Amino acid sequence: MKGPVGDQLESHHLPDRWPDPGTTVGDGSAIQMVPKHHQQTSSWGSGTAARAYAQETAELIAAGRYRGAMAREIRDVRKVARRFGDIRYYNRALRQMLDYARSSGQLPSR
């Protein structure tokens, strides 16, 4: 899900593309985030904490818990939004992302 070029937003993939072997660069589910918000997500960057978070996500996916990995990512985005003053700031984007993930088959049915 790409946003318009030059919109001053960054794509945040849920879950991150690295731990999900079934997702390619162009088809992963994502939302557009304000850069300073994106940088506060647990999976942003290449530091030790981000790598550990990605590894935990990979383990959830490998164990067949894709829904759990997705839920964890949504909680993380909401935590960041709360920190910046509005826990619901990304709700619309998250709903669109979930619709995309379901329709593309990335998010399995319950």
Protein backbone atom coordinates (compact mmCIF):
# COMPACT_ATOMS: atom_id res chain seq x y z
CA MET A 1 0.00 0.00 0.00
CA LYS A 2 1.95 2.97 -1.23
CA GLY A 3 1.09 6.57 -0.56
CA PRO A 4 1.75 9.40 -2.96
CA VAL A 5 5.39 10.33 -3.50
CA GLY A 6 6.34 13.55 -1.73
CA ASP A 7 3.61 13.31 0.93
CA GLN A 8 6.20 13.58 3.74
CA LEU A 9 5.03 10.24 5.18
CA GLU A 10 6.86 6.94 5.58
CA SER A 11 5.59 3.40 5.03
CA HIS A 12 5.41 1.28 8.16
CA HIS A 13 4.98 -2.41 7.33
CA LEU A 14 2.85 -4.54 9.62
CA PRO A 15 4.43 -6.91 10.26
CA ASP A 16 7.86 -5.84 9.15
CA ARG A 17 8.82 -7.39 5.79
CA TRP A 18 12.02 -9.01 7.08
CA PRO A 19 10.42 -11.57 9.44
CA ASP A 20 7.68 -12.50 6.97
CA PRO A 21 9.12 -14.84 4.32
CA GLY A 22 5.84 -14.83 2.39
CA THR A 23 5.89 -11.10 1.72
CA THR A 24 7.80 -9.25 -0.97
CA VAL A 25 8.73 -5.58 -0.91
CA GLY A 26 5.80 -4.47 -3.05
CA ASP A 27 2.95 -6.44 -1.55
CA GLY A 28 3.31 -6.23 2.22
CA SER A 29 0.60 -4.58 4.28
CA ALA A 30 1.58 -1.12 5.50
CA ILE A 31 0.32 2.20 6.75
CA GLN A 32 1.69 5.68 6.14
CA MET A 33 3.14 7.35 9.22
CA VAL A 34 4.52 10.72 10.18
CA PRO A 35 8.32 10.16 10.21
CA LYS A 36 8.78 11.14 13.88
CA HIS A 37 6.04 8.65 14.79
CA HIS A 38 7.49 5.93 12.56
CA GLN A 39 10.89 6.32 14.20
CA GLN A 40 9.32 5.52 17.58
CA THR A 41 7.92 2.13 16.49
CA SER A 42 9.61 -0.93 17.92
CA SER A 43 10.69 -2.27 14.52
CA TRP A 44 12.15 0.95 13.10
CA GLY A 45 15.86 1.08 12.34
CA SER A 46 18.63 -1.45 12.63
CA GLY A 47 19.54 -1.18 16.30
CA THR A 48 19.66 -4.04 18.77
CA ALA A 49 16.13 -3.45 20.08
CA ALA A 50 14.63 -3.28 16.57
CA ARG A 51 16.43 -6.48 15.55
CA ALA A 52 15.19 -8.27 18.69
CA TYR A 53 11.64 -7.09 18.02
CA ALA A 54 11.86 -8.32 14.42
CA GLN A 55 13.21 -11.67 15.61
CA GLU A 56 10.28 -12.07 18.01
CA THR A 57 7.91 -11.24 15.16
CA ALA A 58 9.62 -13.81 12.93
CA GLU A 59 9.17 -16.44 15.64
CA LEU A 60 5.45 -15.67 15.90
CA ILE A 61 5.06 -16.00 12.13
CA ALA A 62 7.12 -19.21 11.99
CA ALA A 63 4.91 -20.67 14.74
CA GLY A 64 1.80 -19.97 12.64
CA ARG A 65 0.75 -16.99 14.75
CA TYR A 66 0.50 -14.38 11.98
CA ARG A 67 -2.59 -12.85 13.57
CA GLY A 68 -0.65 -12.49 16.83
CA ALA A 69 2.22 -10.81 14.98
CA MET A 70 -0.23 -8.40 13.32
CA ALA A 71 -1.98 -7.64 16.64
CA ARG A 72 1.39 -6.93 18.24
CA GLU A 73 2.24 -4.45 15.48
CA ILE A 74 -1.13 -2.70 15.83
CA ARG A 75 -0.59 -2.33 19.59
CA ASP A 76 2.84 -0.86 18.88
CA VAL A 77 1.44 1.75 16.46
CA ARG A 78 -1.27 2.69 18.97
CA LYS A 79 1.33 2.99 21.74
CA VAL A 80 3.28 5.47 19.60
CA ALA A 81 0.11 7.39 18.69
CA ARG A 82 -0.81 7.62 22.40
CA ARG A 83 2.66 8.96 23.15
CA PHE A 84 2.02 11.75 20.62
CA GLY A 85 -1.40 12.58 22.05
CA ASP A 86 -4.06 10.57 20.17
CA ILE A 87 -4.23 6.79 20.44
CA ARG A 88 -6.75 6.76 17.55
CA TYR A 89 -4.59 8.82 15.17
CA TYR A 90 -3.87 5.83 12.89
CA ASN A 91 -7.19 3.96 13.28
CA ARG A 92 -8.39 4.68 9.74
CA ALA A 93 -5.05 3.65 8.24
CA LEU A 94 -5.01 0.50 10.37
CA ARG A 95 -8.53 -0.44 9.22
CA GLN A 96 -7.51 0.03 5.58
CA MET A 97 -4.37 -2.02 6.16
CA LEU A 98 -6.37 -4.84 7.75
CA ASP A 99 -8.82 -4.83 4.82
CA TYR A 100 -5.88 -5.08 2.43
CA ALA A 101 -4.18 -7.83 4.44
CA ARG A 102 -7.41 -9.87 4.48
CA SER A 103 -8.22 -9.37 0.80
CA SER A 104 -4.66 -10.23 -0.29
CA GLY A 105 -4.63 -13.40 1.80
CA GLN A 106 -1.79 -12.19 4.04
CA LEU A 107 -4.01 -12.19 7.13
CA PRO A 108 -5.57 -15.63 7.50
CA SER A 109 -9.13 -16.08 8.65
CA ARG A 110 -9.66 -16.97 12.27
